[in-house]
Amino acid sequence: MNNSLVDLLILKTFKLYNTVSKTPRIIEIEWKKPNTRWIKVNTNGAVNGSPGIAGYGGIFQTYRGFCKGCFAKPLGVLYAFEAELYGVITAVEYAIRFQWTH
């Protein structure tokens, strides 16, 4: 097993996806649209090493799933928590700047 999406789909086909106990685990995540007239933001920070070269990004989507805007930025050497935090802070700053209150 290579811990890939293909492996997850095969395991789900045979209803075996809950019996795998290897680390790292594959977790299926499903995007759900926000309520009407709301904007949803998804952010992520990533690091190569610990600490390591880092970056972060995010995407704003409407309740219909359309991209309202996105951002990405490279960082220096940081820990993963710091990269994640930069993504969240930037998302809040953009929401305030564009007056996206929902």
Protein backbone atom coordinates (compact mmCIF):
# COMPACT_ATOMS: atom_id res chain seq x y z
CA MET A 1 0.00 0.00 0.00
CA ASN A 2 1.31 3.44 -0.95
CA ASN A 3 -1.19 5.52 1.08
CA SER A 4 -2.64 7.13 -2.01
CA LEU A 5 -6.13 8.16 -3.04
CA VAL A 6 -6.27 5.17 -5.41
CA ASP A 7 -5.52 2.84 -2.47
CA LEU A 8 -8.30 4.49 -0.47
CA LEU A 9 -10.81 4.00 -3.29
CA ILE A 10 -9.85 0.33 -3.63
CA LEU A 11 -10.24 -0.21 0.12
CA LYS A 12 -13.62 1.54 0.09
CA THR A 13 -14.79 -0.69 -2.78
CA PHE A 14 -14.18 -3.75 -0.62
CA LYS A 15 -15.40 -1.97 2.54
CA LEU A 16 -11.96 -2.38 4.12
CA TYR A 17 -11.03 1.26 4.65
CA ASN A 18 -11.74 1.18 8.41
CA THR A 19 -9.50 -1.83 9.03
CA VAL A 20 -6.23 -0.25 7.92
CA SER A 21 -4.06 0.78 10.87
CA LYS A 22 -0.86 1.93 9.15
CA THR A 23 0.66 5.32 9.82
CA PRO A 24 0.39 7.75 8.10
CA ARG A 25 -3.32 7.27 7.54
CA ILE A 26 -5.38 8.38 4.56
CA ILE A 27 -8.32 10.48 5.61
CA GLU A 28 -11.00 11.28 3.08
CA ILE A 29 -12.02 14.94 3.23
CA GLU A 30 -15.05 16.29 1.44
CA TRP A 31 -15.57 19.99 0.71
CA LYS A 32 -18.98 21.21 1.76
CA LYS A 33 -20.40 24.42 0.45
CA PRO A 34 -21.22 27.18 2.93
CA ASN A 35 -24.67 28.60 3.57
CA THR A 36 -26.25 30.91 0.99
CA ARG A 37 -24.37 34.21 0.53
CA TRP A 38 -21.49 33.06 2.71
CA ILE A 39 -17.87 32.80 1.60
CA LYS A 40 -15.77 29.85 2.70
CA VAL A 41 -12.00 29.96 3.02
CA ASN A 42 -9.67 26.97 3.04
CA THR A 43 -6.04 27.59 4.05
CA ASN A 44 -2.96 25.44 4.26
CA GLY A 45 0.63 25.84 5.37
CA ALA A 46 3.36 23.43 4.33
CA VAL A 47 6.97 22.87 5.39
CA ASN A 48 9.73 20.72 3.92
CA GLY A 49 11.41 19.48 7.10
CA SER A 50 10.97 20.60 10.70
CA PRO A 51 11.86 23.41 10.63
CA GLY A 52 12.21 23.83 6.89
CA ILE A 53 11.41 25.92 3.85
CA ALA A 54 7.76 26.87 4.24
CA GLY A 55 4.86 28.39 2.35
CA TYR A 56 1.16 28.94 2.72
CA GLY A 57 -1.94 29.58 0.66
CA GLY A 58 -5.68 29.76 0.68
CA ILE A 59 -8.78 29.98 -1.46
CA PHE A 60 -12.07 31.81 -0.93
CA GLN A 61 -15.15 30.19 -2.45
CA THR A 62 -18.75 31.31 -2.73
CA TYR A 63 -21.72 29.24 -1.62
CA ARG A 64 -21.99 28.11 -5.24
CA GLY A 65 -18.42 26.82 -5.23
CA PHE A 66 -16.96 29.59 -7.42
CA CYS A 67 -13.51 30.95 -6.61
CA LYS A 68 -13.79 34.43 -5.14
CA GLY A 69 -10.03 34.81 -4.70
CA CYS A 70 -6.90 32.99 -3.65
CA PHE A 71 -3.43 33.65 -2.30
CA ALA A 72 -0.10 31.87 -1.88
CA LYS A 73 3.23 32.98 -0.52
CA PRO A 74 6.61 31.38 0.08
CA LEU A 75 8.18 31.82 3.51
CA GLY A 76 11.63 31.29 4.92
CA VAL A 77 12.58 28.52 7.32
CA LEU A 78 9.73 27.93 9.78
CA TYR A 79 7.84 25.22 11.63
CA ALA A 80 4.58 23.82 10.21
CA PHE A 81 2.47 25.49 12.90
CA GLU A 82 3.88 28.90 11.93
CA ALA A 83 3.14 28.32 8.23
CA GLU A 84 -0.43 27.28 9.04
CA LEU A 85 -0.86 30.35 11.24
CA TYR A 86 0.36 32.67 8.48
CA GLY A 87 -2.32 31.22 6.20
CA VAL A 88 -5.10 31.84 8.73
CA ILE A 89 -3.91 35.38 9.54
CA THR A 90 -3.71 36.26 5.84
CA ALA A 91 -7.22 34.89 5.23
CA VAL A 92 -8.63 37.03 8.04
CA GLU A 93 -6.80 40.11 6.71
CA TYR A 94 -8.27 39.59 3.22
CA ALA A 95 -11.76 39.02 4.63
CA ILE A 96 -11.55 42.29 6.55
CA ARG A 97 -10.09 44.17 3.56
CA PHE A 98 -12.89 43.04 1.24
CA GLN A 99 -15.57 43.31 3.94
CA TRP A 100 -16.53 39.66 3.72
CA THR A 101 -18.36 39.41 7.03
CA HIS A 102 -20.08 36.09 6.35
